[in-house]
Amino acid sequence: MNRAKVGFFSLTHHSPTGDDRPYLTWHALDHMPEQYQLPGLLLGQRWASTPACRAARAAEIDSWSSVEHVVCYLMGTPVDRTVDEFLALGRHLADLGRYPHALPSQYRGGLRLLDAVAAPRVLVSAEVVPFRPHHGVYLLVDRPDEATPQDGFLGRLHSEVLPTLVGVPGVAGAWSYTSSPGLRRRMFTEGHHRIIVCYLDDDPATVGERLSPVVEQVWATAPSEVLLAAPFESLVRWDIDRFGPDGLS
């Protein structure tokens, strides 16, 4: 049983000033830690694009091409209370003057966890893949065609697509999410979206190049439009190699 039930995602553009560092510093050292007082907050993580990551994108539609930063908060029970208190805490911190920075938003919303898969080689259960150190993620956002039944593709997503993704070298695991009417809130982005997060234990841009043909092949016949398919680097890096015999001096 997966303790995580919901992923809250925030996808944003660059700062209008051209310098994202004030925002990233505030979010990492102030805003994100405060969320852990919430009853069902399990994990908060942030990733950012780089020139190499942007060059490895398989898809980016319209303003989705401007997405540079991704945040995901994993939430468990009590789900509704956690989502509502998460939003209330943001307003409270703003009232205290502790919401000094914001980046232009592309997407914001809570999505229900659909599935979780781990690559057999990583030797951990699918439920803990996000907690495993990683170099970054590959994010795939699609918008289902509302006029086309999705059940067949969802079955394929579970039985074929996610296992194929985690079979790509450098992909440690993948979690998939979908919009759910019960999770909608006034401030969330409208429309039906799905998100797949692939957790990477190799260079994100390199794995992005490996994933591009897989994404193109799978979604060529999918009943949905791919809005963004892109690698992002973790802001908390996997630096184990620094502690080898030649790493510290």
C-alpha atoms as a PDB file:
ATOM      1  CA  MET A   1       0.000   0.000   0.000  1.00  0.00           C
ATOM      2  CA  ASN A   2       1.436   3.347  -1.076  1.00  0.00           C
ATOM      3  CA  ARG A   3       1.227   6.012   1.623  1.00  0.00           C
ATOM      4  CA  ALA A   4       1.301   8.700  -1.081  1.00  0.00           C
ATOM      5  CA  LYS A   5      -2.128   9.366  -2.588  1.00  0.00           C
ATOM      6  CA  VAL A   6      -1.672  12.750  -4.244  1.00  0.00           C
ATOM      7  CA  GLY A   7       1.043  14.702  -5.993  1.00  0.00           C
ATOM      8  CA  PHE A   8       0.721  18.479  -5.842  1.00  0.00           C
ATOM      9  CA  PHE A   9       2.613  19.943  -8.805  1.00  0.00           C
ATOM     10  CA  SER A  10       3.740  23.492  -9.496  1.00  0.00           C
ATOM     11  CA  LEU A  11       5.390  24.212 -12.852  1.00  0.00           C
ATOM     12  CA  THR A  12       6.806  27.703 -13.344  1.00  0.00           C
ATOM     13  CA  HIS A  13       8.774  29.892 -15.754  1.00  0.00           C
ATOM     14  CA  HIS A  14      11.894  31.990 -15.190  1.00  0.00           C
ATOM     15  CA  SER A  15      11.715  35.060 -12.985  1.00  0.00           C
ATOM     16  CA  PRO A  16      10.920  38.263 -14.894  1.00  0.00           C
ATOM     17  CA  THR A  17      14.175  39.647 -13.436  1.00  0.00           C
ATOM     18  CA  GLY A  18      16.197  36.912 -15.127  1.00  0.00           C
ATOM     19  CA  ASP A  19      17.566  35.765 -11.756  1.00  0.00           C
ATOM     20  CA  ASP A  20      15.782  32.780 -10.176  1.00  0.00           C
ATOM     21  CA  ARG A  21      18.153  32.509  -7.203  1.00  0.00           C
ATOM     22  CA  PRO A  22      16.173  34.637  -4.703  1.00  0.00           C
ATOM     23  CA  TYR A  23      13.079  32.555  -5.335  1.00  0.00           C
ATOM     24  CA  LEU A  24      14.909  29.230  -5.165  1.00  0.00           C
ATOM     25  CA  THR A  25      16.710  30.214  -1.963  1.00  0.00           C
ATOM     26  CA  TRP A  26      13.480  31.315  -0.277  1.00  0.00           C
ATOM     27  CA  HIS A  27      11.588  28.221  -1.383  1.00  0.00           C
ATOM     28  CA  ALA A  28      14.292  25.745  -0.328  1.00  0.00           C
ATOM     29  CA  LEU A  29      15.157  27.324   3.025  1.00  0.00           C
ATOM     30  CA  ASP A  30      11.840  28.805   4.133  1.00  0.00           C
ATOM     31  CA  HIS A  31       8.726  27.755   2.255  1.00  0.00           C
ATOM     32  CA  MET A  32       9.273  24.054   1.591  1.00  0.00           C
ATOM     33  CA  PRO A  33      10.405  23.134   5.133  1.00  0.00           C
ATOM     34  CA  GLU A  34       7.263  24.724   6.618  1.00  0.00           C
ATOM     35  CA  GLN A  35       5.061  22.285   4.703  1.00  0.00           C
ATOM     36  CA  TYR A  36       6.265  19.359   6.828  1.00  0.00           C
ATOM     37  CA  GLN A  37       4.093  20.479   9.719  1.00  0.00           C
ATOM     38  CA  LEU A  38       1.032  19.397   7.685  1.00  0.00           C
ATOM     39  CA  PRO A  39      -0.577  16.086   8.684  1.00  0.00           C
ATOM     40  CA  GLY A  40      -0.205  14.220   5.393  1.00  0.00           C
ATOM     41  CA  LEU A  41       2.830  15.909   3.827  1.00  0.00           C
ATOM     42  CA  LEU A  42       5.292  13.127   2.982  1.00  0.00           C
ATOM     43  CA  LEU A  43       7.926  14.665   0.712  1.00  0.00           C
ATOM     44  CA  GLY A  44       8.706  17.885  -1.132  1.00  0.00           C
ATOM     45  CA  GLN A  45      11.120  17.995  -4.083  1.00  0.00           C
ATOM     46  CA  ARG A  46      12.231  20.553  -6.657  1.00  0.00           C
ATOM     47  CA  TRP A  47      13.875  20.247 -10.061  1.00  0.00           C
ATOM     48  CA  ALA A  48      15.142  22.787 -12.599  1.00  0.00           C
ATOM     49  CA  SER A  49      15.938  22.863 -16.287  1.00  0.00           C
ATOM     50  CA  THR A  50      19.404  23.536 -17.738  1.00  0.00           C
ATOM     51  CA  PRO A  51      20.549  24.282 -21.296  1.00  0.00           C
ATOM     52  CA  ALA A  52      21.397  20.591 -21.742  1.00  0.00           C
ATOM     53  CA  CYS A  53      18.006  19.556 -20.366  1.00  0.00           C
ATOM     54  CA  ARG A  54      16.188  21.957 -22.675  1.00  0.00           C
ATOM     55  CA  ALA A  55      18.061  20.571 -25.667  1.00  0.00           C
ATOM     56  CA  ALA A  56      16.865  17.069 -24.737  1.00  0.00           C
ATOM     57  CA  ARG A  57      13.149  17.899 -24.629  1.00  0.00           C
ATOM     58  CA  ALA A  58      10.941  15.634 -26.729  1.00  0.00           C
ATOM     59  CA  ALA A  59       7.920  17.970 -26.659  1.00  0.00           C
ATOM     60  CA  GLU A  60       6.980  21.467 -25.502  1.00  0.00           C
ATOM     61  CA  ILE A  61       3.724  23.034 -26.659  1.00  0.00           C
ATOM     62  CA  ASP A  62       3.063  26.786 -26.617  1.00  0.00           C
ATOM     63  CA  SER A  63       3.726  28.336 -23.179  1.00  0.00           C
ATOM     64  CA  TRP A  64       4.699  24.929 -21.803  1.00  0.00           C
ATOM     65  CA  SER A  65       8.022  25.544 -23.545  1.00  0.00           C
ATOM     66  CA  SER A  66       8.741  28.190 -20.889  1.00  0.00           C
ATOM     67  CA  VAL A  67       8.590  25.757 -17.952  1.00  0.00           C
ATOM     68  CA  GLU A  68      11.918  25.922 -16.120  1.00  0.00           C
ATOM     69  CA  HIS A  69      11.081  24.740 -12.601  1.00  0.00           C
ATOM     70  CA  VAL A  70       9.059  21.846 -11.201  1.00  0.00           C
ATOM     71  CA  VAL A  71       7.943  21.235  -7.616  1.00  0.00           C
ATOM     72  CA  CYS A  72       6.158  18.137  -6.370  1.00  0.00           C
ATOM     73  CA  TYR A  73       4.737  17.576  -2.894  1.00  0.00           C
ATOM     74  CA  LEU A  74       3.662  14.021  -2.113  1.00  0.00           C
ATOM     75  CA  MET A  75       0.629  13.900   0.171  1.00  0.00           C
ATOM     76  CA  GLY A  76      -1.061  11.051   2.005  1.00  0.00           C
ATOM     77  CA  THR A  77      -3.961  10.676   4.376  1.00  0.00           C
ATOM     78  CA  PRO A  78      -5.860  12.689   5.428  1.00  0.00           C
ATOM     79  CA  VAL A  79      -5.860  13.828   1.782  1.00  0.00           C
ATOM     80  CA  ASP A  80      -8.536  16.529   1.752  1.00  0.00           C
ATOM     81  CA  ARG A  81      -7.366  18.017   5.025  1.00  0.00           C
ATOM     82  CA  THR A  82      -3.752  18.059   3.855  1.00  0.00           C
ATOM     83  CA  VAL A  83      -4.585  19.729   0.524  1.00  0.00           C
ATOM     84  CA  ASP A  84      -6.755  22.364   2.200  1.00  0.00           C
ATOM     85  CA  GLU A  85      -4.251  23.058   4.976  1.00  0.00           C
ATOM     86  CA  PHE A  86      -1.454  23.231   2.394  1.00  0.00           C
ATOM     87  CA  LEU A  87      -3.292  26.016   0.590  1.00  0.00           C
ATOM     88  CA  ALA A  88      -4.229  27.720   3.868  1.00  0.00           C
ATOM     89  CA  LEU A  89      -0.616  27.626   5.062  1.00  0.00           C
ATOM     90  CA  GLY A  90       0.515  29.368   1.888  1.00  0.00           C
ATOM     91  CA  ARG A  91      -1.991  32.159   2.502  1.00  0.00           C
ATOM     92  CA  HIS A  92      -0.951  32.393   6.164  1.00  0.00           C
ATOM     93  CA  LEU A  93       2.732  32.687   5.296  1.00  0.00           C
ATOM     94  CA  ALA A  94       1.885  35.382   2.759  1.00  0.00           C
ATOM     95  CA  ASP A  95      -0.001  37.304   5.458  1.00  0.00           C
ATOM     96  CA  LEU A  96       3.134  37.104   7.617  1.00  0.00           C
ATOM     97  CA  GLY A  97       5.263  38.527   4.817  1.00  0.00           C
ATOM     98  CA  ARG A  98       6.929  35.188   4.192  1.00  0.00           C
ATOM     99  CA  TYR A  99       5.876  34.821   0.568  1.00  0.00           C
ATOM    100  CA  PRO A 100       8.177  37.439  -0.982  1.00  0.00           C
ATOM    101  CA  HIS A 101       8.883  35.678  -4.276  1.00  0.00           C
ATOM    102  CA  ALA A 102       6.811  34.089  -7.008  1.00  0.00           C
ATOM    103  CA  LEU A 103       7.562  32.844 -10.489  1.00  0.00           C
ATOM    104  CA  PRO A 104       5.127  32.986 -13.428  1.00  0.00           C
ATOM    105  CA  SER A 105       2.981  29.873 -13.217  1.00  0.00           C
ATOM    106  CA  GLN A 106       2.271  27.417 -16.010  1.00  0.00           C
ATOM    107  CA  TYR A 107       0.509  24.735 -14.013  1.00  0.00           C
ATOM    108  CA  ARG A 108      -0.634  24.237 -10.441  1.00  0.00           C
ATOM    109  CA  GLY A 109      -2.734  21.392  -9.112  1.00  0.00           C
ATOM    110  CA  GLY A 110      -3.191  18.255  -7.068  1.00  0.00           C
ATOM    111  CA  LEU A 111      -3.325  14.987  -9.004  1.00  0.00           C
ATOM    112  CA  ARG A 112      -4.334  11.529  -7.851  1.00  0.00           C
ATOM    113  CA  LEU A 113      -1.585   8.910  -7.904  1.00  0.00           C
ATOM    114  CA  LEU A 114      -2.381   6.260 -10.496  1.00  0.00           C
ATOM    115  CA  ASP A 115       0.561   3.906 -10.522  1.00  0.00           C
ATOM    116  CA  ALA A 116       4.121   3.417  -9.316  1.00  0.00           C
ATOM    117  CA  VAL A 117       6.786   1.223 -10.913  1.00  0.00           C
ATOM    118  CA  ALA A 118      10.429   0.591 -10.031  1.00  0.00           C
ATOM    119  CA  ALA A 119      13.125  -0.664 -12.362  1.00  0.00           C
ATOM    120  CA  PRO A 120      14.026  -4.216 -11.232  1.00  0.00           C
ATOM    121  CA  ARG A 121      17.725  -3.290 -11.113  1.00  0.00           C
ATOM    122  CA  VAL A 122      17.295  -0.714  -8.316  1.00  0.00           C
ATOM    123  CA  LEU A 123      16.212  -3.337  -5.750  1.00  0.00           C
ATOM    124  CA  VAL A 124      13.756  -1.077  -3.930  1.00  0.00           C
ATOM    125  CA  SER A 125       9.973  -1.143  -3.945  1.00  0.00           C
ATOM    126  CA  ALA A 126       8.078   1.181  -6.273  1.00  0.00           C
ATOM    127  CA  GLU A 127       6.554   2.954  -3.262  1.00  0.00           C
ATOM    128  CA  VAL A 128       9.907   4.389  -2.158  1.00  0.00           C
ATOM    129  CA  VAL A 129      11.466   5.382  -5.483  1.00  0.00           C
ATOM    130  CA  PRO A 130      10.966   9.165  -4.916  1.00  0.00           C
ATOM    131  CA  PHE A 131      12.835   8.872  -1.599  1.00  0.00           C
ATOM    132  CA  ARG A 132      15.839   7.270  -3.307  1.00  0.00           C
ATOM    133  CA  PRO A 133      18.665   9.703  -4.211  1.00  0.00           C
ATOM    134  CA  HIS A 134      18.416  10.774  -7.835  1.00  0.00           C
ATOM    135  CA  HIS A 135      20.017  13.184 -10.296  1.00  0.00           C
ATOM    136  CA  GLY A 136      16.728  14.520 -11.605  1.00  0.00           C
ATOM    137  CA  VAL A 137      13.466  13.587 -13.256  1.00  0.00           C
ATOM    138  CA  TYR A 138      11.910  13.263 -16.668  1.00  0.00           C
ATOM    139  CA  LEU A 139       8.509  14.938 -16.619  1.00  0.00           C
ATOM    140  CA  LEU A 140       5.805  14.064 -19.103  1.00  0.00           C
ATOM    141  CA  VAL A 141       2.563  16.065 -19.091  1.00  0.00           C
ATOM    142  CA  ASP A 142      -0.289  15.172 -21.413  1.00  0.00           C
ATOM    143  CA  ARG A 143      -3.857  16.365 -21.897  1.00  0.00           C
ATOM    144  CA  PRO A 144      -6.356  13.580 -22.631  1.00  0.00           C
ATOM    145  CA  ASP A 145      -8.775  13.981 -25.513  1.00  0.00           C
ATOM    146  CA  GLU A 146     -12.074  14.371 -23.676  1.00  0.00           C
ATOM    147  CA  ALA A 147     -13.998  12.961 -26.649  1.00  0.00           C
ATOM    148  CA  THR A 148     -12.023   9.702 -26.668  1.00  0.00           C
ATOM    149  CA  PRO A 149     -12.384   6.907 -24.069  1.00  0.00           C
ATOM    150  CA  GLN A 150      -9.224   6.654 -21.972  1.00  0.00           C
ATOM    151  CA  ASP A 151      -9.666   3.256 -20.320  1.00  0.00           C
ATOM    152  CA  GLY A 152      -7.716   1.392 -22.967  1.00  0.00           C
ATOM    153  CA  PHE A 153      -4.777   3.747 -22.787  1.00  0.00           C
ATOM    154  CA  LEU A 154      -4.781   3.728 -18.983  1.00  0.00           C
ATOM    155  CA  GLY A 155      -4.552  -0.057 -19.083  1.00  0.00           C
ATOM    156  CA  ARG A 156      -1.708   0.198 -21.557  1.00  0.00           C
ATOM    157  CA  LEU A 157      -0.039   2.826 -19.388  1.00  0.00           C
ATOM    158  CA  HIS A 158       0.001   0.335 -16.506  1.00  0.00           C
ATOM    159  CA  SER A 159       0.925  -2.824 -18.410  1.00  0.00           C
ATOM    160  CA  GLU A 160       3.231  -1.501 -21.129  1.00  0.00           C
ATOM    161  CA  VAL A 161       4.208   2.153 -20.980  1.00  0.00           C
ATOM    162  CA  LEU A 162       5.551   2.493 -17.427  1.00  0.00           C
ATOM    163  CA  PRO A 163       7.465  -0.830 -17.617  1.00  0.00           C
ATOM    164  CA  THR A 164       8.978   0.369 -20.914  1.00  0.00           C
ATOM    165  CA  LEU A 165      10.009   3.696 -19.396  1.00  0.00           C
ATOM    166  CA  VAL A 166      11.740   2.069 -16.412  1.00  0.00           C
ATOM    167  CA  GLY A 167      13.543  -0.244 -18.819  1.00  0.00           C
ATOM    168  CA  VAL A 168      15.439   2.717 -20.271  1.00  0.00           C
ATOM    169  CA  PRO A 169      18.956   2.966 -18.773  1.00  0.00           C
ATOM    170  CA  GLY A 170      19.072   5.668 -16.128  1.00  0.00           C
ATOM    171  CA  VAL A 171      15.373   5.475 -15.193  1.00  0.00           C
ATOM    172  CA  ALA A 172      15.056   4.135 -11.645  1.00  0.00           C
ATOM    173  CA  GLY A 173      11.268   4.268 -11.480  1.00  0.00           C
ATOM    174  CA  ALA A 174       8.167   6.075 -12.646  1.00  0.00           C
ATOM    175  CA  TRP A 175       5.003   7.363 -10.979  1.00  0.00           C
ATOM    176  CA  SER A 176       1.884   8.425 -12.888  1.00  0.00           C
ATOM    177  CA  TYR A 177      -0.862  10.844 -11.830  1.00  0.00           C
ATOM    178  CA  THR A 178      -4.186  12.115 -13.170  1.00  0.00           C
ATOM    179  CA  SER A 179      -6.641  14.909 -12.496  1.00  0.00           C
ATOM    180  CA  SER A 180      -9.516  13.978 -10.212  1.00  0.00           C
ATOM    181  CA  PRO A 181     -12.757  15.920  -9.608  1.00  0.00           C
ATOM    182  CA  GLY A 182     -12.457  15.357  -5.863  1.00  0.00           C
ATOM    183  CA  LEU A 183      -9.111  17.172  -5.778  1.00  0.00           C
ATOM    184  CA  ARG A 184     -10.098  20.286  -7.688  1.00  0.00           C
ATOM    185  CA  ARG A 185      -9.692  23.596  -5.916  1.00  0.00           C
ATOM    186  CA  ARG A 186     -10.389  27.134  -7.112  1.00  0.00           C
ATOM    187  CA  MET A 187      -6.708  28.060  -7.490  1.00  0.00           C
ATOM    188  CA  PHE A 188      -5.792  24.942  -9.503  1.00  0.00           C
ATOM    189  CA  THR A 189      -5.211  25.016 -13.253  1.00  0.00           C
ATOM    190  CA  GLU A 190      -8.347  24.112 -15.152  1.00  0.00           C
ATOM    191  CA  GLY A 191      -8.650  21.096 -17.408  1.00  0.00           C
ATOM    192  CA  HIS A 192      -7.777  17.412 -17.333  1.00  0.00           C
ATOM    193  CA  HIS A 193      -4.078  16.579 -17.168  1.00  0.00           C
ATOM    194  CA  ARG A 194      -1.899  13.553 -16.572  1.00  0.00           C
ATOM    195  CA  ILE A 195       1.675  13.653 -15.336  1.00  0.00           C
ATOM    196  CA  ILE A 196       4.347  10.951 -15.356  1.00  0.00           C
ATOM    197  CA  VAL A 197       7.491  11.472 -13.283  1.00  0.00           C
ATOM    198  CA  CYS A 198      10.490   9.284 -14.137  1.00  0.00           C
ATOM    199  CA  TYR A 199      13.183   9.337 -11.440  1.00  0.00           C
ATOM    200  CA  LEU A 200      16.696   9.325 -12.914  1.00  0.00           C
ATOM    201  CA  ASP A 201      19.935   7.951 -11.501  1.00  0.00           C
ATOM    202  CA  ASP A 202      22.023   9.087 -14.477  1.00  0.00           C
ATOM    203  CA  ASP A 203      22.603  12.486 -16.066  1.00  0.00           C
ATOM    204  CA  PRO A 204      19.108  13.906 -16.801  1.00  0.00           C
ATOM    205  CA  ALA A 205      19.925  15.315 -20.233  1.00  0.00           C
ATOM    206  CA  THR A 206      21.543  12.041 -21.285  1.00  0.00           C
ATOM    207  CA  VAL A 207      18.559  10.002 -20.111  1.00  0.00           C
ATOM    208  CA  GLY A 208      16.287  12.540 -21.780  1.00  0.00           C
ATOM    209  CA  GLU A 209      17.900  11.739 -25.123  1.00  0.00           C
ATOM    210  CA  ARG A 210      17.322   8.026 -24.492  1.00  0.00           C
ATOM    211  CA  LEU A 211      13.671   8.602 -23.597  1.00  0.00           C
ATOM    212  CA  SER A 212      12.769  10.837 -26.539  1.00  0.00           C
ATOM    213  CA  PRO A 213      12.158   8.050 -29.078  1.00  0.00           C
ATOM    214  CA  VAL A 214      10.139   6.089 -26.514  1.00  0.00           C
ATOM    215  CA  VAL A 215       7.914   9.086 -25.816  1.00  0.00           C
ATOM    216  CA  GLU A 216       7.451   9.799 -29.513  1.00  0.00           C
ATOM    217  CA  GLN A 217       6.530   6.191 -30.271  1.00  0.00           C
ATOM    218  CA  VAL A 218       4.105   5.721 -27.378  1.00  0.00           C
ATOM    219  CA  TRP A 219       2.253   9.008 -27.693  1.00  0.00           C
ATOM    220  CA  ALA A 220       2.027   8.879 -31.483  1.00  0.00           C
ATOM    221  CA  THR A 221      -1.075   6.701 -31.024  1.00  0.00           C
ATOM    222  CA  ALA A 222      -2.206   7.900 -27.574  1.00  0.00           C
ATOM    223  CA  PRO A 223      -5.624   9.565 -27.170  1.00  0.00           C
ATOM    224  CA  SER A 224      -3.991  12.675 -25.745  1.00  0.00           C
ATOM    225  CA  GLU A 225      -1.719  15.593 -26.554  1.00  0.00           C
ATOM    226  CA  VAL A 226       1.760  15.752 -25.042  1.00  0.00           C
ATOM    227  CA  LEU A 227       2.233  19.237 -23.609  1.00  0.00           C
ATOM    228  CA  LEU A 228       5.703  18.778 -22.142  1.00  0.00           C
ATOM    229  CA  ALA A 229       8.224  15.942 -22.163  1.00  0.00           C
ATOM    230  CA  ALA A 230      11.474  17.110 -20.612  1.00  0.00           C
ATOM    231  CA  PRO A 231      14.308  16.252 -18.202  1.00  0.00           C
ATOM    232  CA  PHE A 232      15.020  18.387 -15.148  1.00  0.00           C
ATOM    233  CA  GLU A 233      17.931  18.339 -12.705  1.00  0.00           C
ATOM    234  CA  SER A 234      17.486  17.931  -8.964  1.00  0.00           C
ATOM    235  CA  LEU A 235      18.465  20.919  -6.860  1.00  0.00           C
ATOM    236  CA  VAL A 236      19.633  18.438  -4.204  1.00  0.00           C
ATOM    237  CA  ARG A 237      22.229  16.469  -6.120  1.00  0.00           C
ATOM    238  CA  TRP A 238      23.462  12.898  -5.728  1.00  0.00           C
ATOM    239  CA  ASP A 239      27.033  13.680  -4.637  1.00  0.00           C
ATOM    240  CA  ILE A 240      28.134  10.307  -3.289  1.00  0.00           C
ATOM    241  CA  ASP A 241      31.068  10.155  -5.728  1.00  0.00           C
ATOM    242  CA  ARG A 242      32.650  13.168  -4.014  1.00  0.00           C
ATOM    243  CA  PHE A 243      33.486  10.935  -1.075  1.00  0.00           C
ATOM    244  CA  GLY A 244      35.551   8.404  -3.016  1.00  0.00           C
ATOM    245  CA  PRO A 245      39.331   8.103  -2.597  1.00  0.00           C
ATOM    246  CA  ASP A 246      39.939  10.852  -5.167  1.00  0.00           C
ATOM    247  CA  GLY A 247      36.894  12.965  -4.428  1.00  0.00           C
ATOM    248  CA  LEU A 248      37.988  14.910  -1.340  1.00  0.00           C
ATOM    249  CA  SER A 249      41.185  16.847  -1.074  1.00  0.00           C
END
